[in-house]
Structures are given as structure tokens and as C-alpha cells.
Amino acid sequence: MDITLLLKAALMGIVEGLTEFLPISSTGHLILAGSLIGFTGETAKVFEIAIQTGAMFAVIWQYRERLQRTVVGLGTDPAARRFALNVFIAFIPAVVLGLAFGKAIKAHLFHPVPVALAFIAGGLVILWVERRHRRLYGDLDLAGTRRARIETVDDMAPVDALKVGLLQCLAMIPGTSRSGATIIGAMVLGFSRQCATEFSFFLGIPTLMGAGAYALWKQRDALHAADLPMFAVGTVFAFASALLCIRWLIRFISTHDFVGFAWYRIVFGAVVLVTAWQGWVVWAD
């Protein structure tokens, strides 16, 4: 057993868990972190997708009571059926567009410099959206004095779910951030900050677990039993760090906006571009 490889897997799992639900792009961070520590190649790409399942198990654990009520109430509770339908509708665009364009995007955009550019562009979008949201809903809409059009996930209509699902497809571009696209995009559509964040959590369950299962199945011939400890370690660390991140984020959005994340994206992306241009860091593809 290669201890160094397991340590790299643990580090990548922590990076995945801490970045999956923040609007800063887990995929972008995994690409850059993998480049820095020499964790690259086809197996590493499958690993990066597969360990997202660990982060999704953290969502399932955090919201286990809500999810249990939904499953139990599918036959009798209209609200449970509406919630499940909305998640399903929002999930479909990622399946369709992912199958159609996923291979081409991975071939051309899964590289450090395009990721850095997406970091910066996404940061600028977040700054614009937060300024707009503050103007429409008051002082960060955190005091609850002005109501958004959609306050909770139970207020959503199927058309709202479809729009969020289409926005999620922007995250196919590495560095964009699935959470950023869904949360910030939903806020533009009139969701409250809390509703946008929670629906992004729920939508991630079928999206990322499906992507992980598909990646493992597609690359099954290239994987070996010897890879199992590496995948297990990455998944466990992704679960633990994601659970901490989810609980922290729920508290954070009650009193803060996402402006700090926007500036983080811009600065981090600029650092990658400058170091690549100057040759200070050799960012491997």
C-alpha cells in the first residue's frame, strides 16, 4: 500500500469536501490541487468525480429527516411529491447536456489556465448579483424585512426548478462552480439566499452521485482492486470535511453574503494566471 498516494487521496478528499458547496468550484480546486501535488492522469480524473459521492452523503446525513419524510410521503403528501418532482426536473438538463458535451468540455477546458479564467469571471458575476440582490431585497435580505419571490424550497414551481437545472449546466465548465451557478443563479431568479443554498444541496445529490457512478462504470476497465483504498480514503475525507462545511455554511448565510467568496475567486484565479505566465509554477494538465 502506497502511503504517499493515500495521503494525496486524503488531501484531495478534504479539498472536495470543503469546496463542493461553496461558490468557489470544487472541480477547479481539485484540478489545481492535483496539479500541485502530482495527482494527475486518467485514474485521478475518475477519482475526482467519484469522491463527490462522499460529499453528497454528507448532505443526505445533514438533511436525513427531510429526505426521509419526502420518501415516506411520496404516496400521500402533495408537498413531498412536488419537492421530489422539482429535484428531478432540475436534474434532467445536466444529464442531457452532460452526455452531449461532457467529453468535449473535458478535452478542452479541464486545464489550469481555463479554470483560472473561469474563477475570475465567476467572481465578477457574484459581485454583480450580490449588488443586485441587495438593491432588490434590502440590507443583504438577512434581517427578513423584505421577502424574496421564493422563500423556501416548498414555494418552488416546476418552471423554477427547470431554470435552476439549466443554470447548473454552466458548472460543466470547470472553475465555474456547481454551487455557485445554482445558488447565485437562483438568487437572480428571485430565490432567498437560504432557499437557493438548500436547493443547491438537494440538487447535488442525484447530480453528483449520478456523475460519480457513471464515471466509475465508464472507466471500470481501467480501475483495479488496488485502487480501492485510495477511493475509500478520498470518499471518507470528502464526507467528513463536507459535513463540517455544510453546517458552517448554513450558519454563515444567515448573517453574511457571498462577496468574500467573489474576491477569493478573483484573487486566486489571478494568482494562478500570474504564476503560470511567469513560470513560477508549472501547472500540469
C-alpha atoms as a PDB file:
ATOM      1  CA  MET A   1       0.000   0.000   0.000  1.00  0.00           C
ATOM      2  CA  ASP A   2       1.420   3.361  -1.083  1.00  0.00           C
ATOM      3  CA  ILE A   3       1.125   5.662   1.962  1.00  0.00           C
ATOM      4  CA  THR A   4       2.039   8.727  -0.097  1.00  0.00           C
ATOM      5  CA  LEU A   5      -0.796   8.000  -2.522  1.00  0.00           C
ATOM      6  CA  LEU A   6      -3.258   7.588   0.357  1.00  0.00           C
ATOM      7  CA  LEU A   7      -2.139  10.909   1.838  1.00  0.00           C
ATOM      8  CA  LYS A   8      -2.726  12.565  -1.524  1.00  0.00           C
ATOM      9  CA  ALA A   9      -6.154  10.932  -1.689  1.00  0.00           C
ATOM     10  CA  ALA A  10      -6.986  12.245   1.794  1.00  0.00           C
ATOM     11  CA  LEU A  11      -5.880  15.756   0.831  1.00  0.00           C
ATOM     12  CA  MET A  12      -7.955  15.665  -2.344  1.00  0.00           C
ATOM     13  CA  GLY A  13     -10.930  14.438  -0.316  1.00  0.00           C
ATOM     14  CA  ILE A  14     -10.596  17.366   2.073  1.00  0.00           C
ATOM     15  CA  VAL A  15     -10.361  19.798  -0.840  1.00  0.00           C
ATOM     16  CA  GLU A  16     -13.500  18.273  -2.383  1.00  0.00           C
ATOM     17  CA  GLY A  17     -15.495  18.416   0.844  1.00  0.00           C
ATOM     18  CA  LEU A  18     -14.520  21.969   1.736  1.00  0.00           C
ATOM     19  CA  THR A  19     -15.199  23.385  -1.735  1.00  0.00           C
ATOM     20  CA  GLU A  20     -18.158  21.402  -3.100  1.00  0.00           C
ATOM     21  CA  PHE A  21     -20.874  23.514  -1.508  1.00  0.00           C
ATOM     22  CA  LEU A  22     -19.174  26.899  -1.616  1.00  0.00           C
ATOM     23  CA  PRO A  23     -19.408  29.066  -4.759  1.00  0.00           C
ATOM     24  CA  ILE A  24     -15.700  28.619  -5.495  1.00  0.00           C
ATOM     25  CA  SER A  25     -15.641  25.468  -7.689  1.00  0.00           C
ATOM     26  CA  SER A  26     -14.630  22.134  -6.231  1.00  0.00           C
ATOM     27  CA  THR A  27     -13.618  20.848  -9.678  1.00  0.00           C
ATOM     28  CA  GLY A  28     -11.354  23.829 -10.218  1.00  0.00           C
ATOM     29  CA  HIS A  29      -9.695  23.367  -6.850  1.00  0.00           C
ATOM     30  CA  LEU A  30      -9.247  19.642  -7.438  1.00  0.00           C
ATOM     31  CA  ILE A  31      -7.601  20.263 -10.805  1.00  0.00           C
ATOM     32  CA  LEU A  32      -5.238  22.834  -9.326  1.00  0.00           C
ATOM     33  CA  ALA A  33      -4.521  20.825  -6.155  1.00  0.00           C
ATOM     34  CA  GLY A  34      -3.898  17.689  -8.191  1.00  0.00           C
ATOM     35  CA  SER A  35      -1.515  19.616 -10.425  1.00  0.00           C
ATOM     36  CA  LEU A  36       0.451  20.898  -7.439  1.00  0.00           C
ATOM     37  CA  ILE A  37       0.860  17.526  -5.709  1.00  0.00           C
ATOM     38  CA  GLY A  38       1.319  15.449  -8.850  1.00  0.00           C
ATOM     39  CA  PHE A  39      -2.047  13.701  -8.605  1.00  0.00           C
ATOM     40  CA  THR A  40      -2.938  13.630 -12.299  1.00  0.00           C
ATOM     41  CA  GLY A  41      -3.859  11.172 -15.038  1.00  0.00           C
ATOM     42  CA  GLU A  42      -6.986   9.286 -16.082  1.00  0.00           C
ATOM     43  CA  THR A  43      -7.427   7.464 -12.763  1.00  0.00           C
ATOM     44  CA  ALA A  44      -7.110  10.771 -10.903  1.00  0.00           C
ATOM     45  CA  LYS A  45      -9.847  12.301 -13.075  1.00  0.00           C
ATOM     46  CA  VAL A  46     -12.217   9.456 -12.240  1.00  0.00           C
ATOM     47  CA  PHE A  47     -11.231   9.724  -8.573  1.00  0.00           C
ATOM     48  CA  GLU A  48     -12.082  13.446  -8.518  1.00  0.00           C
ATOM     49  CA  ILE A  49     -15.579  12.723  -9.791  1.00  0.00           C
ATOM     50  CA  ALA A  50     -16.159   9.630  -7.662  1.00  0.00           C
ATOM     51  CA  ILE A  51     -15.307  11.226  -4.322  1.00  0.00           C
ATOM     52  CA  GLN A  52     -18.080  13.768  -4.865  1.00  0.00           C
ATOM     53  CA  THR A  53     -20.305  10.942  -3.669  1.00  0.00           C
ATOM     54  CA  GLY A  54     -18.760  11.334  -0.218  1.00  0.00           C
ATOM     55  CA  ALA A  55     -19.759  14.987  -0.158  1.00  0.00           C
ATOM     56  CA  MET A  56     -23.306  14.053  -1.183  1.00  0.00           C
ATOM     57  CA  PHE A  57     -23.564  11.534   1.646  1.00  0.00           C
ATOM     58  CA  ALA A  58     -22.876  14.482   3.942  1.00  0.00           C
ATOM     59  CA  VAL A  59     -25.946  16.271   2.519  1.00  0.00           C
ATOM     60  CA  ILE A  60     -28.031  13.140   2.967  1.00  0.00           C
ATOM     61  CA  TRP A  61     -26.914  12.855   6.580  1.00  0.00           C
ATOM     62  CA  GLN A  62     -27.488  16.533   7.335  1.00  0.00           C
ATOM     63  CA  TYR A  63     -30.993  16.508   5.827  1.00  0.00           C
ATOM     64  CA  ARG A  64     -31.869  12.896   6.601  1.00  0.00           C
ATOM     65  CA  GLU A  65     -35.131  13.769   8.366  1.00  0.00           C
ATOM     66  CA  ARG A  66     -36.363  15.929   5.465  1.00  0.00           C
ATOM     67  CA  LEU A  67     -35.375  13.301   2.913  1.00  0.00           C
ATOM     68  CA  GLN A  68     -36.988  10.512   4.952  1.00  0.00           C
ATOM     69  CA  ARG A  69     -40.247  12.481   5.186  1.00  0.00           C
ATOM     70  CA  THR A  70     -40.154  13.013   1.441  1.00  0.00           C
ATOM     71  CA  VAL A  71     -39.660   9.327   0.647  1.00  0.00           C
ATOM     72  CA  VAL A  72     -42.333   8.220   3.114  1.00  0.00           C
ATOM     73  CA  GLY A  73     -44.771  10.877   1.920  1.00  0.00           C
ATOM     74  CA  LEU A  74     -44.470  10.319  -1.828  1.00  0.00           C
ATOM     75  CA  GLY A  75     -47.689   8.335  -1.913  1.00  0.00           C
ATOM     76  CA  THR A  76     -49.801  10.619   0.283  1.00  0.00           C
ATOM     77  CA  ASP A  77     -48.197  14.066   0.687  1.00  0.00           C
ATOM     78  CA  PRO A  78     -48.546  16.527  -2.223  1.00  0.00           C
ATOM     79  CA  ALA A  79     -45.698  18.664  -0.840  1.00  0.00           C
ATOM     80  CA  ALA A  80     -43.347  15.671  -0.806  1.00  0.00           C
ATOM     81  CA  ARG A  81     -44.275  14.790  -4.389  1.00  0.00           C
ATOM     82  CA  ARG A  82     -43.770  18.400  -5.506  1.00  0.00           C
ATOM     83  CA  PHE A  83     -40.360  18.568  -3.839  1.00  0.00           C
ATOM     84  CA  ALA A  84     -39.216  15.280  -5.413  1.00  0.00           C
ATOM     85  CA  LEU A  85     -40.553  16.353  -8.819  1.00  0.00           C
ATOM     86  CA  ASN A  86     -38.717  19.677  -8.647  1.00  0.00           C
ATOM     87  CA  VAL A  87     -35.406  17.967  -7.842  1.00  0.00           C
ATOM     88  CA  PHE A  88     -35.966  15.514 -10.702  1.00  0.00           C
ATOM     89  CA  ILE A  89     -36.819  18.279 -13.187  1.00  0.00           C
ATOM     90  CA  ALA A  90     -33.758  20.285 -12.186  1.00  0.00           C
ATOM     91  CA  PHE A  91     -31.579  17.187 -12.547  1.00  0.00           C
ATOM     92  CA  ILE A  92     -32.563  16.368 -16.153  1.00  0.00           C
ATOM     93  CA  PRO A  93     -30.707  19.192 -18.001  1.00  0.00           C
ATOM     94  CA  ALA A  94     -27.373  18.117 -16.503  1.00  0.00           C
ATOM     95  CA  VAL A  95     -27.940  14.557 -17.714  1.00  0.00           C
ATOM     96  CA  VAL A  96     -28.835  15.595 -21.249  1.00  0.00           C
ATOM     97  CA  LEU A  97     -26.155  18.245 -21.745  1.00  0.00           C
ATOM     98  CA  GLY A  98     -23.540  16.282 -19.797  1.00  0.00           C
ATOM     99  CA  LEU A  99     -23.901  13.284 -22.091  1.00  0.00           C
ATOM    100  CA  ALA A 100     -23.896  15.519 -25.156  1.00  0.00           C
ATOM    101  CA  PHE A 101     -20.972  17.825 -24.373  1.00  0.00           C
ATOM    102  CA  GLY A 102     -19.124  16.384 -21.361  1.00  0.00           C
ATOM    103  CA  LYS A 103     -16.375  14.672 -23.345  1.00  0.00           C
ATOM    104  CA  ALA A 104     -15.571  17.751 -25.440  1.00  0.00           C
ATOM    105  CA  ILE A 105     -15.503  20.024 -22.396  1.00  0.00           C
ATOM    106  CA  LYS A 106     -13.144  17.710 -20.515  1.00  0.00           C
ATOM    107  CA  ALA A 107     -10.806  17.565 -23.507  1.00  0.00           C
ATOM    108  CA  HIS A 108     -10.522  21.331 -23.939  1.00  0.00           C
ATOM    109  CA  LEU A 109     -11.274  23.047 -20.615  1.00  0.00           C
ATOM    110  CA  PHE A 110     -10.020  20.749 -17.833  1.00  0.00           C
ATOM    111  CA  HIS A 111      -6.706  22.607 -17.625  1.00  0.00           C
ATOM    112  CA  PRO A 112      -5.396  25.112 -15.047  1.00  0.00           C
ATOM    113  CA  VAL A 113      -5.475  28.308 -17.149  1.00  0.00           C
ATOM    114  CA  PRO A 114      -9.105  27.949 -18.352  1.00  0.00           C
ATOM    115  CA  VAL A 115     -10.041  27.114 -14.762  1.00  0.00           C
ATOM    116  CA  ALA A 116      -8.333  30.284 -13.513  1.00  0.00           C
ATOM    117  CA  LEU A 117     -10.184  32.397 -16.095  1.00  0.00           C
ATOM    118  CA  ALA A 118     -13.483  30.836 -15.007  1.00  0.00           C
ATOM    119  CA  PHE A 119     -12.598  31.619 -11.381  1.00  0.00           C
ATOM    120  CA  ILE A 120     -12.209  35.305 -12.192  1.00  0.00           C
ATOM    121  CA  ALA A 121     -15.309  35.515 -14.398  1.00  0.00           C
ATOM    122  CA  GLY A 122     -17.416  33.780 -11.745  1.00  0.00           C
ATOM    123  CA  GLY A 123     -16.165  36.153  -9.069  1.00  0.00           C
ATOM    124  CA  LEU A 124     -17.222  39.162 -11.118  1.00  0.00           C
ATOM    125  CA  VAL A 125     -20.673  37.631 -11.647  1.00  0.00           C
ATOM    126  CA  ILE A 126     -21.109  37.060  -7.905  1.00  0.00           C
ATOM    127  CA  LEU A 127     -20.220  40.698  -7.172  1.00  0.00           C
ATOM    128  CA  TRP A 128     -22.838  41.867  -9.676  1.00  0.00           C
ATOM    129  CA  VAL A 129     -25.531  39.507  -8.345  1.00  0.00           C
ATOM    130  CA  GLU A 130     -24.933  40.450  -4.712  1.00  0.00           C
ATOM    131  CA  ARG A 131     -25.159  44.144  -5.564  1.00  0.00           C
ATOM    132  CA  ARG A 132     -28.424  43.496  -7.417  1.00  0.00           C
ATOM    133  CA  HIS A 133     -29.802  41.321  -4.607  1.00  0.00           C
ATOM    134  CA  ARG A 134     -29.032  43.988  -2.011  1.00  0.00           C
ATOM    135  CA  ARG A 135     -30.801  46.614  -4.079  1.00  0.00           C
ATOM    136  CA  LEU A 136     -33.921  44.463  -4.507  1.00  0.00           C
ATOM    137  CA  TYR A 137     -34.215  42.937  -1.041  1.00  0.00           C
ATOM    138  CA  GLY A 138     -32.637  45.413   1.322  1.00  0.00           C
ATOM    139  CA  ASP A 139     -29.580  45.002   3.505  1.00  0.00           C
ATOM    140  CA  LEU A 140     -28.500  41.560   2.266  1.00  0.00           C
ATOM    141  CA  ASP A 141     -32.086  40.342   2.881  1.00  0.00           C
ATOM    142  CA  LEU A 142     -30.648  38.891   6.096  1.00  0.00           C
ATOM    143  CA  ALA A 143     -32.953  40.677   8.515  1.00  0.00           C
ATOM    144  CA  GLY A 144     -36.011  39.194   6.815  1.00  0.00           C
ATOM    145  CA  THR A 145     -37.642  42.595   6.368  1.00  0.00           C
ATOM    146  CA  ARG A 146     -38.161  42.097   2.625  1.00  0.00           C
ATOM    147  CA  ARG A 147     -39.279  38.807   1.170  1.00  0.00           C
ATOM    148  CA  ALA A 148     -37.842  37.165  -1.907  1.00  0.00           C
ATOM    149  CA  ARG A 149     -40.203  35.698  -4.503  1.00  0.00           C
ATOM    150  CA  ILE A 150     -39.329  32.163  -3.375  1.00  0.00           C
ATOM    151  CA  GLU A 151     -38.555  31.872   0.322  1.00  0.00           C
ATOM    152  CA  THR A 152     -38.367  28.083   0.757  1.00  0.00           C
ATOM    153  CA  VAL A 153     -37.961  25.025  -1.461  1.00  0.00           C
ATOM    154  CA  ASP A 154     -41.661  24.265  -0.883  1.00  0.00           C
ATOM    155  CA  ASP A 155     -42.560  27.519  -2.684  1.00  0.00           C
ATOM    156  CA  MET A 156     -40.916  26.432  -5.930  1.00  0.00           C
ATOM    157  CA  ALA A 157     -42.830  25.692  -9.120  1.00  0.00           C
ATOM    158  CA  PRO A 158     -41.587  23.183 -11.727  1.00  0.00           C
ATOM    159  CA  VAL A 159     -40.550  26.004 -14.041  1.00  0.00           C
ATOM    160  CA  ASP A 160     -38.342  27.418 -11.275  1.00  0.00           C
ATOM    161  CA  ALA A 161     -36.696  24.010 -10.873  1.00  0.00           C
ATOM    162  CA  LEU A 162     -36.095  23.758 -14.623  1.00  0.00           C
ATOM    163  CA  LYS A 163     -34.404  27.166 -14.686  1.00  0.00           C
ATOM    164  CA  VAL A 164     -32.096  26.216 -11.816  1.00  0.00           C
ATOM    165  CA  GLY A 165     -31.329  22.945 -13.569  1.00  0.00           C
ATOM    166  CA  LEU A 166     -30.311  24.799 -16.718  1.00  0.00           C
ATOM    167  CA  LEU A 167     -28.126  27.118 -14.662  1.00  0.00           C
ATOM    168  CA  GLN A 168     -26.455  24.098 -13.076  1.00  0.00           C
ATOM    169  CA  CYS A 169     -25.236  23.112 -16.549  1.00  0.00           C
ATOM    170  CA  LEU A 170     -22.916  26.130 -16.521  1.00  0.00           C
ATOM    171  CA  ALA A 171     -20.868  24.175 -13.990  1.00  0.00           C
ATOM    172  CA  MET A 172     -19.827  21.820 -16.770  1.00  0.00           C
ATOM    173  CA  ILE A 173     -17.183  24.488 -17.391  1.00  0.00           C
ATOM    174  CA  PRO A 174     -14.522  23.714 -14.741  1.00  0.00           C
ATOM    175  CA  GLY A 175     -13.903  26.625 -12.422  1.00  0.00           C
ATOM    176  CA  THR A 176     -17.477  27.884 -12.709  1.00  0.00           C
ATOM    177  CA  SER A 177     -18.743  26.051  -9.585  1.00  0.00           C
ATOM    178  CA  ARG A 178     -21.914  23.958  -9.493  1.00  0.00           C
ATOM    179  CA  SER A 179     -22.878  25.525  -6.170  1.00  0.00           C
ATOM    180  CA  GLY A 180     -22.098  28.985  -7.476  1.00  0.00           C
ATOM    181  CA  ALA A 181     -24.145  28.510 -10.642  1.00  0.00           C
ATOM    182  CA  THR A 182     -27.166  27.155  -8.774  1.00  0.00           C
ATOM    183  CA  ILE A 183     -27.077  29.397  -5.699  1.00  0.00           C
ATOM    184  CA  ILE A 184     -26.181  32.663  -7.381  1.00  0.00           C
ATOM    185  CA  GLY A 185     -28.345  31.859 -10.397  1.00  0.00           C
ATOM    186  CA  ALA A 186     -31.325  31.044  -8.176  1.00  0.00           C
ATOM    187  CA  MET A 187     -30.881  34.344  -6.350  1.00  0.00           C
ATOM    188  CA  VAL A 188     -31.161  36.130  -9.710  1.00  0.00           C
ATOM    189  CA  LEU A 189     -34.405  34.218 -10.288  1.00  0.00           C
ATOM    190  CA  GLY A 190     -35.826  35.563  -7.019  1.00  0.00           C
ATOM    191  CA  PHE A 191     -34.910  32.843  -4.524  1.00  0.00           C
ATOM    192  CA  SER A 192     -33.965  33.790  -0.992  1.00  0.00           C
ATOM    193  CA  ARG A 193     -30.351  33.128  -0.091  1.00  0.00           C
ATOM    194  CA  GLN A 194     -31.298  30.229   2.209  1.00  0.00           C
ATOM    195  CA  CYS A 195     -33.664  28.628  -0.303  1.00  0.00           C
ATOM    196  CA  ALA A 196     -31.115  28.894  -3.117  1.00  0.00           C
ATOM    197  CA  THR A 197     -28.456  27.277  -0.928  1.00  0.00           C
ATOM    198  CA  GLU A 198     -30.648  24.431   0.312  1.00  0.00           C
ATOM    199  CA  PHE A 199     -31.979  23.576  -3.137  1.00  0.00           C
ATOM    200  CA  SER A 200     -28.406  23.515  -4.414  1.00  0.00           C
ATOM    201  CA  PHE A 201     -27.648  20.945  -1.692  1.00  0.00           C
ATOM    202  CA  PHE A 202     -30.613  18.759  -2.661  1.00  0.00           C
ATOM    203  CA  LEU A 203     -29.965  19.015  -6.395  1.00  0.00           C
ATOM    204  CA  GLY A 204     -26.392  17.923  -5.848  1.00  0.00           C
ATOM    205  CA  ILE A 205     -27.488  14.521  -4.533  1.00  0.00           C
ATOM    206  CA  PRO A 206     -28.674  12.995  -7.841  1.00  0.00           C
ATOM    207  CA  THR A 207     -26.340  15.116  -9.970  1.00  0.00           C
ATOM    208  CA  LEU A 208     -23.031  14.285  -8.309  1.00  0.00           C
ATOM    209  CA  MET A 209     -23.837  10.768  -7.197  1.00  0.00           C
ATOM    210  CA  GLY A 210     -25.010  10.014 -10.725  1.00  0.00           C
ATOM    211  CA  ALA A 211     -21.851  11.551 -12.184  1.00  0.00           C
ATOM    212  CA  GLY A 212     -19.694   9.514  -9.814  1.00  0.00           C
ATOM    213  CA  ALA A 213     -21.441   6.248 -10.640  1.00  0.00           C
ATOM    214  CA  TYR A 214     -21.281   6.968 -14.380  1.00  0.00           C
ATOM    215  CA  ALA A 215     -17.569   7.794 -14.239  1.00  0.00           C
ATOM    216  CA  LEU A 216     -16.772   4.604 -12.341  1.00  0.00           C
ATOM    217  CA  TRP A 217     -18.809   2.486 -14.748  1.00  0.00           C
ATOM    218  CA  LYS A 218     -17.326   4.107 -17.843  1.00  0.00           C
ATOM    219  CA  GLN A 219     -13.739   3.647 -16.618  1.00  0.00           C
ATOM    220  CA  ARG A 220     -14.293   0.269 -14.962  1.00  0.00           C
ATOM    221  CA  ASP A 221     -11.768  -1.482 -17.217  1.00  0.00           C
ATOM    222  CA  ALA A 222      -9.029   0.993 -16.243  1.00  0.00           C
ATOM    223  CA  LEU A 223      -9.594   0.591 -12.493  1.00  0.00           C
ATOM    224  CA  HIS A 224      -8.145  -2.140 -10.336  1.00  0.00           C
ATOM    225  CA  ALA A 225      -8.739  -3.577  -6.888  1.00  0.00           C
ATOM    226  CA  ALA A 226      -5.541  -1.878  -5.778  1.00  0.00           C
ATOM    227  CA  ASP A 227      -7.262   1.491  -6.371  1.00  0.00           C
ATOM    228  CA  LEU A 228      -9.998   0.746  -3.810  1.00  0.00           C
ATOM    229  CA  PRO A 229      -8.126   2.046  -0.707  1.00  0.00           C
ATOM    230  CA  MET A 230      -7.371   5.317  -2.500  1.00  0.00           C
ATOM    231  CA  PHE A 231     -11.038   5.821  -3.475  1.00  0.00           C
ATOM    232  CA  ALA A 232     -12.223   4.830   0.012  1.00  0.00           C
ATOM    233  CA  VAL A 233      -9.881   7.269   1.752  1.00  0.00           C
ATOM    234  CA  GLY A 234     -10.846  10.116  -0.572  1.00  0.00           C
ATOM    235  CA  THR A 235     -14.561   9.444  -0.111  1.00  0.00           C
ATOM    236  CA  VAL A 236     -14.361   9.288   3.703  1.00  0.00           C
ATOM    237  CA  PHE A 237     -12.391  12.525   3.949  1.00  0.00           C
ATOM    238  CA  ALA A 238     -14.741  14.196   1.478  1.00  0.00           C
ATOM    239  CA  PHE A 239     -17.721  13.176   3.636  1.00  0.00           C
ATOM    240  CA  ALA A 240     -16.207  14.457   6.889  1.00  0.00           C
ATOM    241  CA  SER A 241     -14.999  17.783   5.521  1.00  0.00           C
ATOM    242  CA  ALA A 242     -18.226  18.349   3.549  1.00  0.00           C
ATOM    243  CA  LEU A 243     -20.368  17.784   6.649  1.00  0.00           C
ATOM    244  CA  LEU A 244     -18.381  20.427   8.528  1.00  0.00           C
ATOM    245  CA  CYS A 245     -18.642  22.796   5.567  1.00  0.00           C
ATOM    246  CA  ILE A 246     -22.412  22.353   5.178  1.00  0.00           C
ATOM    247  CA  ARG A 247     -23.076  23.094   8.851  1.00  0.00           C
ATOM    248  CA  TRP A 248     -20.802  26.111   8.745  1.00  0.00           C
ATOM    249  CA  LEU A 249     -22.373  27.450   5.534  1.00  0.00           C
ATOM    250  CA  ILE A 250     -25.912  27.184   6.911  1.00  0.00           C
ATOM    251  CA  ARG A 251     -24.872  29.428   9.817  1.00  0.00           C
ATOM    252  CA  PHE A 252     -22.814  31.716   7.595  1.00  0.00           C
ATOM    253  CA  ILE A 253     -25.570  32.635   5.133  1.00  0.00           C
ATOM    254  CA  SER A 254     -27.851  33.750   7.961  1.00  0.00           C
ATOM    255  CA  THR A 255     -25.626  36.774   8.546  1.00  0.00           C
ATOM    256  CA  HIS A 256     -23.347  37.125   5.504  1.00  0.00           C
ATOM    257  CA  ASP A 257     -23.417  37.416   1.725  1.00  0.00           C
ATOM    258  CA  PHE A 258     -21.110  35.808  -0.863  1.00  0.00           C
ATOM    259  CA  VAL A 259     -18.957  38.843  -1.652  1.00  0.00           C
ATOM    260  CA  GLY A 260     -15.959  37.415   0.195  1.00  0.00           C
ATOM    261  CA  PHE A 261     -16.078  34.311  -1.978  1.00  0.00           C
ATOM    262  CA  ALA A 262     -16.189  36.501  -5.086  1.00  0.00           C
ATOM    263  CA  TRP A 263     -12.968  38.285  -4.142  1.00  0.00           C
ATOM    264  CA  TYR A 264     -11.372  34.971  -3.207  1.00  0.00           C
ATOM    265  CA  ARG A 265     -12.166  33.637  -6.691  1.00  0.00           C
ATOM    266  CA  ILE A 266     -10.757  36.720  -8.396  1.00  0.00           C
ATOM    267  CA  VAL A 267      -7.535  36.783  -6.368  1.00  0.00           C
ATOM    268  CA  PHE A 268      -6.991  33.027  -6.576  1.00  0.00           C
ATOM    269  CA  GLY A 269      -7.584  32.974 -10.322  1.00  0.00           C
ATOM    270  CA  ALA A 270      -5.204  35.897 -10.817  1.00  0.00           C
ATOM    271  CA  VAL A 271      -2.507  34.142  -8.774  1.00  0.00           C
ATOM    272  CA  VAL A 272      -2.762  31.044 -10.967  1.00  0.00           C
ATOM    273  CA  LEU A 273      -2.550  33.117 -14.155  1.00  0.00           C
ATOM    274  CA  VAL A 274       0.429  35.164 -12.943  1.00  0.00           C
ATOM    275  CA  THR A 275       2.369  32.143 -11.676  1.00  0.00           C
ATOM    276  CA  ALA A 276       1.717  30.289 -14.926  1.00  0.00           C
ATOM    277  CA  TRP A 277       2.720  33.295 -17.074  1.00  0.00           C
ATOM    278  CA  GLN A 278       5.906  33.930 -15.079  1.00  0.00           C
ATOM    279  CA  GLY A 279       6.775  30.244 -14.966  1.00  0.00           C
ATOM    280  CA  TRP A 280       6.939  30.248 -11.159  1.00  0.00           C
ATOM    281  CA  VAL A 281       4.622  27.221 -11.010  1.00  0.00           C
ATOM    282  CA  VAL A 282       4.374  24.557 -13.693  1.00  0.00           C
ATOM    283  CA  TRP A 283       0.667  23.770 -13.700  1.00  0.00           C
ATOM    284  CA  ALA A 284       0.329  20.278 -15.134  1.00  0.00           C
ATOM    285  CA  ASP A 285      -2.697  19.360 -17.247  1.00  0.00           C
END
